[in-house]
Amino acid sequence: MDDSHVRGSGIPKPLGKPALTMIRAALMVWIVAWLAAAQTPKTPRAAAPFDVTGNWVSVVTEDWRWRMLTPAKGDYASVPLNPDGRKVADTWDPSRAAGDGCKPYGAAGIMRVPGRLRIAWENDTTLRIDTDAGQQTRLLHFDTPQKPAAERTWQGYSAAEWEKILQRGGLGVSLQQGPPRTGALKVITTNLRSGYLRWNGVPYSEDTSMTEYFDRLSAYGSDWLTVFTIVEDPRYLDQPFITSTHFKREPDGSRWMPEPCESGAVKR
């Protein structure tokens, strides 16, 4: 016996025109909604490929003698100073180091200063980094159309973006490129006041441009933050000064001990 909606062969009857029209309409609504969602750009905060926020402490595993202690006058080994840069460094007076104030805490040097970081989103397009050493605040701006202030500051102006990494299509042999994936946090800082790359007066000028790549990884049961830094200064450097700095996540801010840099408050 055949049901009313099934042929004798057991094959369902084709859908009528009204039913097909309804299915097509529903499908079109879904496609339009999907395309709208796909085309709506995420905020930098929502698009973050990893969580960089939290409390971090620097782990000094290299350049110990230049970072944990004030080096001797004229010790600028591994910094590619040009003759003008060496001349400025050689005029540094250790007896007046207390008056250097915030010079060692500018953006080109602060991440190398041992201490702690607090990183949080100021808003959906601005990432904030506070340092307890020197009590400095860096603002990383993802809304790049914003123009830097006319006045130069210790932390300058930092333009940030989630770096896009191009991928090959297919199995890696295709000439076509696959969709880019999000990589490290890239930050370019300019508009700086002149300061020190190291405690002993190794200088950088206001012409300095600094590029950083922030990345996070997990190892040995802990979260780690690495900051790869490239400092370029046409006035005092012969070539880029490149460093890699490491931080370990802390569970909370109980060890946060801010010390201001003004008037030589921080001494080493």
Protein backbone atom coordinates (compact mmCIF):
# COMPACT_ATOMS: atom_id res chain seq x y z
CA MET A 1 0.00 0.00 0.00
CA ASP A 2 1.32 3.49 -0.93
CA ASP A 3 1.20 6.44 1.36
CA SER A 4 -0.31 9.56 -0.13
CA HIS A 5 3.06 11.33 -0.38
CA VAL A 6 5.11 8.38 -1.68
CA ARG A 7 5.06 6.85 -5.13
CA GLY A 8 4.67 3.17 -5.66
CA SER A 9 8.42 2.93 -6.21
CA GLY A 10 9.02 4.21 -2.66
CA ILE A 11 10.56 7.50 -3.92
CA PRO A 12 9.10 10.68 -2.34
CA LYS A 13 7.21 13.01 -4.64
CA PRO A 14 9.13 16.11 -5.67
CA LEU A 15 8.47 19.18 -3.57
CA GLY A 16 5.95 21.61 -4.92
CA LYS A 17 6.87 25.10 -6.13
CA PRO A 18 5.71 26.88 -2.94
CA ALA A 19 7.91 24.64 -0.77
CA LEU A 20 10.95 25.18 -3.01
CA THR A 21 10.39 28.92 -2.91
CA MET A 22 10.35 28.90 0.88
CA ILE A 23 13.56 26.84 1.07
CA ARG A 24 15.33 29.15 -1.36
CA ALA A 25 14.23 32.19 0.63
CA ALA A 26 15.42 30.69 3.90
CA LEU A 27 18.74 29.75 2.30
CA MET A 28 19.23 33.27 0.97
CA VAL A 29 18.52 34.76 4.40
CA TRP A 30 21.14 32.45 5.94
CA ILE A 31 23.73 33.31 3.27
CA VAL A 32 23.17 37.05 3.70
CA ALA A 33 23.47 36.74 7.49
CA TRP A 34 26.65 34.66 7.16
CA LEU A 35 28.25 37.13 4.74
CA ALA A 36 27.35 40.05 6.99
CA ALA A 37 28.94 38.32 9.98
CA ALA A 38 32.03 37.47 7.95
CA GLN A 39 32.43 41.03 6.72
CA THR A 40 31.97 42.68 10.11
CA PRO A 41 35.53 43.36 11.33
CA LYS A 42 36.41 42.23 14.81
CA THR A 43 37.89 44.70 17.23
CA PRO A 44 41.61 44.18 17.93
CA ARG A 45 40.68 42.94 21.38
CA ALA A 46 38.26 40.34 19.99
CA ALA A 47 40.70 39.36 17.23
CA ALA A 48 43.59 38.69 19.63
CA PRO A 49 45.12 35.29 18.76
CA PHE A 50 46.50 34.90 22.28
CA ASP A 51 45.99 36.48 25.69
CA VAL A 52 48.80 38.88 26.49
CA THR A 53 47.08 40.41 29.51
CA GLY A 54 48.01 39.72 33.10
CA ASN A 55 50.95 40.09 35.48
CA TRP A 56 54.44 39.31 34.18
CA VAL A 57 57.91 39.33 35.74
CA SER A 58 61.13 39.67 33.76
CA VAL A 59 63.46 36.66 33.72
CA VAL A 60 67.05 37.77 33.13
CA THR A 61 68.93 34.93 31.44
CA GLU A 62 71.27 37.02 29.26
CA ASP A 63 73.04 40.40 29.39
CA TRP A 64 72.99 40.01 33.16
CA ARG A 65 75.91 42.39 33.81
CA TRP A 66 74.28 45.17 31.80
CA ARG A 67 70.74 44.72 33.10
CA MET A 68 71.05 43.82 36.77
CA LEU A 69 73.88 46.24 37.57
CA THR A 70 74.94 49.65 36.34
CA PRO A 71 77.82 48.97 33.92
CA ALA A 72 81.05 50.89 34.13
CA LYS A 73 81.43 54.08 32.17
CA GLY A 74 82.35 53.30 28.57
CA ASP A 75 81.04 49.72 28.72
CA TYR A 76 78.75 49.65 25.69
CA ALA A 77 79.74 46.23 24.40
CA SER A 78 77.22 44.68 21.95
CA VAL A 79 75.48 48.03 21.34
CA PRO A 80 76.34 49.12 17.75
CA LEU A 81 77.10 52.74 18.59
CA ASN A 82 78.57 54.97 15.90
CA PRO A 83 81.31 57.54 16.76
CA ASP A 84 78.73 60.13 17.83
CA GLY A 85 77.00 57.61 20.07
CA ARG A 86 80.27 56.57 21.70
CA LYS A 87 81.16 60.20 22.27
CA VAL A 88 77.90 60.82 24.12
CA ALA A 89 78.24 57.60 26.15
CA ASP A 90 81.77 58.55 27.17
CA THR A 91 80.55 61.84 28.66
CA TRP A 92 78.24 60.08 31.15
CA ASP A 93 79.17 60.93 34.72
CA PRO A 94 78.53 58.13 37.28
CA SER A 95 78.59 60.65 40.12
CA ARG A 96 75.52 62.33 38.62
CA ALA A 97 73.60 59.14 37.79
CA ALA A 98 70.98 59.92 40.44
CA GLY A 99 70.00 62.93 38.36
CA ASP A 100 69.34 60.91 35.22
CA GLY A 101 65.72 60.54 36.31
CA CYS A 102 63.61 58.76 33.69
CA LYS A 103 66.23 58.55 30.92
CA PRO A 104 66.75 54.77 31.39
CA TYR A 105 62.97 54.20 31.44
CA GLY A 106 62.00 55.40 27.97
CA ALA A 107 60.34 52.97 25.58
CA ALA A 108 63.62 51.96 23.91
CA GLY A 109 65.04 50.77 27.23
CA ILE A 110 62.17 50.04 29.64
CA MET A 111 61.48 46.46 28.57
CA ARG A 112 65.10 45.55 29.38
CA VAL A 113 64.83 46.98 32.91
CA PRO A 114 64.25 44.11 35.39
CA GLY A 115 60.82 44.37 36.95
CA ARG A 116 57.17 43.55 36.47
CA LEU A 117 54.55 44.35 33.88
CA ARG A 118 50.79 44.71 34.12
CA ILE A 119 49.12 44.36 30.75
CA ALA A 120 45.41 45.05 30.20
CA TRP A 121 43.06 46.37 27.54
CA GLU A 122 42.40 50.07 28.07
CA ASN A 123 39.56 49.73 25.54
CA ASP A 124 38.83 47.58 22.48
CA THR A 125 41.57 49.27 20.43
CA THR A 126 44.23 50.16 23.02
CA LEU A 127 46.47 47.82 24.98
CA ARG A 128 48.05 49.22 28.15
CA ILE A 129 51.39 48.16 29.64
CA ASP A 130 52.31 49.42 33.12
CA THR A 131 55.80 48.89 34.55
CA ASP A 132 56.62 48.89 38.24
CA ALA A 133 60.22 49.90 37.44
CA GLY A 134 60.09 53.63 36.83
CA GLN A 135 56.27 53.57 37.09
CA GLN A 136 55.80 54.01 33.34
CA THR A 137 52.72 53.44 31.13
CA ARG A 138 52.84 52.42 27.50
CA LEU A 139 49.72 52.63 25.31
CA LEU A 140 49.67 50.46 22.19
CA HIS A 141 47.20 51.93 19.70
CA PHE A 142 45.53 49.66 17.15
CA ASP A 143 43.47 52.55 15.75
CA THR A 144 46.41 53.70 13.64
CA PRO A 145 44.65 56.70 11.98
CA GLN A 146 45.03 58.41 15.35
CA LYS A 147 47.93 60.88 15.15
CA PRO A 148 50.67 61.05 17.80
CA ALA A 149 50.82 64.05 20.07
CA ALA A 150 53.10 66.89 19.01
CA GLU A 151 55.09 66.66 22.23
CA ARG A 152 57.68 63.88 22.49
CA THR A 153 57.41 61.67 25.57
CA TRP A 154 59.40 58.92 27.28
CA GLN A 155 57.07 56.26 25.88
CA GLY A 156 56.40 57.97 22.54
CA TYR A 157 53.58 56.84 20.28
CA SER A 158 53.10 53.11 19.66
CA ALA A 159 51.09 51.85 16.67
CA ALA A 160 50.07 48.21 17.09
CA GLU A 161 48.66 45.45 14.90
CA TRP A 162 48.19 41.70 14.95
CA GLU A 163 50.70 40.59 12.35
CA LYS A 164 49.31 38.70 9.36
CA ILE A 165 51.34 35.70 8.17
CA LEU A 166 50.78 34.63 4.57
CA GLN A 167 50.32 30.91 3.96
CA ARG A 168 50.77 28.78 0.92
CA GLY A 169 47.68 27.15 -0.52
CA GLY A 170 47.05 23.46 -1.10
CA LEU A 171 49.67 21.11 0.36
CA GLY A 172 52.36 23.76 0.38
CA VAL A 173 53.17 23.37 -3.31
CA SER A 174 50.37 25.50 -4.74
CA LEU A 175 51.26 28.88 -6.22
CA GLN A 176 48.12 30.29 -4.68
CA GLN A 177 48.20 31.68 -1.17
CA GLY A 178 45.91 30.47 1.55
CA PRO A 179 44.14 32.86 3.91
CA PRO A 180 46.59 34.68 6.20
CA ARG A 181 46.80 33.62 9.83
CA THR A 182 47.33 35.97 12.74
CA GLY A 183 50.79 35.89 14.28
CA ALA A 184 52.62 38.03 16.81
CA LEU A 185 51.67 41.44 18.13
CA LYS A 186 53.71 43.96 16.15
CA VAL A 187 54.35 47.41 17.64
CA ILE A 188 56.17 50.37 16.08
CA THR A 189 57.10 53.21 18.43
CA THR A 190 58.19 56.71 17.42
CA ASN A 191 57.94 60.29 18.76
CA LEU A 192 60.32 59.55 21.63
CA ARG A 193 62.33 61.79 23.90
CA SER A 194 66.03 60.95 23.88
CA GLY A 195 67.07 58.54 26.62
CA TYR A 196 69.33 55.63 27.56
CA LEU A 197 69.52 52.11 26.18
CA ARG A 198 71.47 51.15 29.32
CA TRP A 199 71.93 52.58 32.79
CA ASN A 200 75.43 53.92 32.04
CA GLY A 201 74.37 56.59 29.60
CA VAL A 202 74.37 54.56 26.36
CA PRO A 203 72.17 56.93 24.33
CA TYR A 204 69.32 56.80 21.88
CA SER A 205 68.08 59.97 20.21
CA GLU A 206 64.65 61.41 19.48
CA ASP A 207 65.09 60.13 15.90
CA THR A 208 64.78 56.56 17.19
CA SER A 209 62.21 54.14 15.77
CA MET A 210 61.55 50.90 17.61
CA THR A 211 59.82 47.78 16.28
CA GLU A 212 58.69 45.04 18.68
CA TYR A 213 57.14 41.61 18.28
CA PHE A 214 55.26 40.26 21.31
CA ASP A 215 54.51 36.55 21.43
CA ARG A 216 53.30 34.13 24.08
CA LEU A 217 54.13 30.48 24.61
CA SER A 218 53.68 27.81 27.24
CA ALA A 219 56.65 25.78 28.50
CA TYR A 220 57.65 23.99 31.71
CA GLY A 221 54.18 24.48 33.12
CA SER A 222 54.26 28.28 32.81
CA ASP A 223 53.17 30.97 30.38
CA TRP A 224 55.98 33.04 28.86
CA LEU A 225 55.95 36.36 27.06
CA THR A 226 58.78 37.12 24.64
CA VAL A 227 59.48 40.58 23.27
CA PHE A 228 61.76 40.76 20.24
CA THR A 229 62.96 44.36 19.88
CA ILE A 230 64.67 46.22 17.03
CA VAL A 231 65.92 49.74 17.86
CA GLU A 232 66.97 51.91 14.92
CA ASP A 233 68.62 55.28 15.48
CA PRO A 234 70.30 57.06 12.56
CA ARG A 235 71.96 59.52 14.92
CA TYR A 236 73.73 57.21 17.38
CA LEU A 237 73.64 53.65 15.97
CA ASP A 238 75.58 52.15 13.07
CA GLN A 239 72.99 49.37 12.67
CA PRO A 240 69.84 48.14 14.44
CA PHE A 241 70.22 47.14 18.09
CA ILE A 242 68.36 43.83 18.50
CA THR A 243 67.37 42.14 21.76
CA SER A 244 65.00 39.42 22.95
CA THR A 245 63.46 39.82 26.41
CA HIS A 246 61.54 37.22 28.40
CA PHE A 247 58.78 37.46 30.99
CA LYS A 248 57.02 34.79 33.06
CA ARG A 249 53.37 35.00 34.02
CA GLU A 250 52.58 35.53 37.71
CA PRO A 251 49.29 34.40 39.27
CA ASP A 252 48.40 37.83 40.64
CA GLY A 253 49.73 41.29 41.36
CA SER A 254 50.74 40.71 44.98
CA ARG A 255 54.41 41.38 44.18
CA TRP A 256 53.74 44.60 42.33
CA MET A 257 56.07 47.28 43.76
CA PRO A 258 56.00 50.48 41.66
CA GLU A 259 58.91 52.89 42.02
CA PRO A 260 58.81 56.28 40.25
CA CYS A 261 61.80 57.32 38.19
CA GLU A 262 61.57 61.08 38.75
CA SER A 263 64.42 62.80 40.59
CA GLY A 264 66.53 59.65 40.60
CA ALA A 265 64.13 57.81 42.91
CA VAL A 266 65.27 54.47 41.48
CA LYS A 267 68.90 53.72 42.22
CA ARG A 268 71.02 50.72 41.28
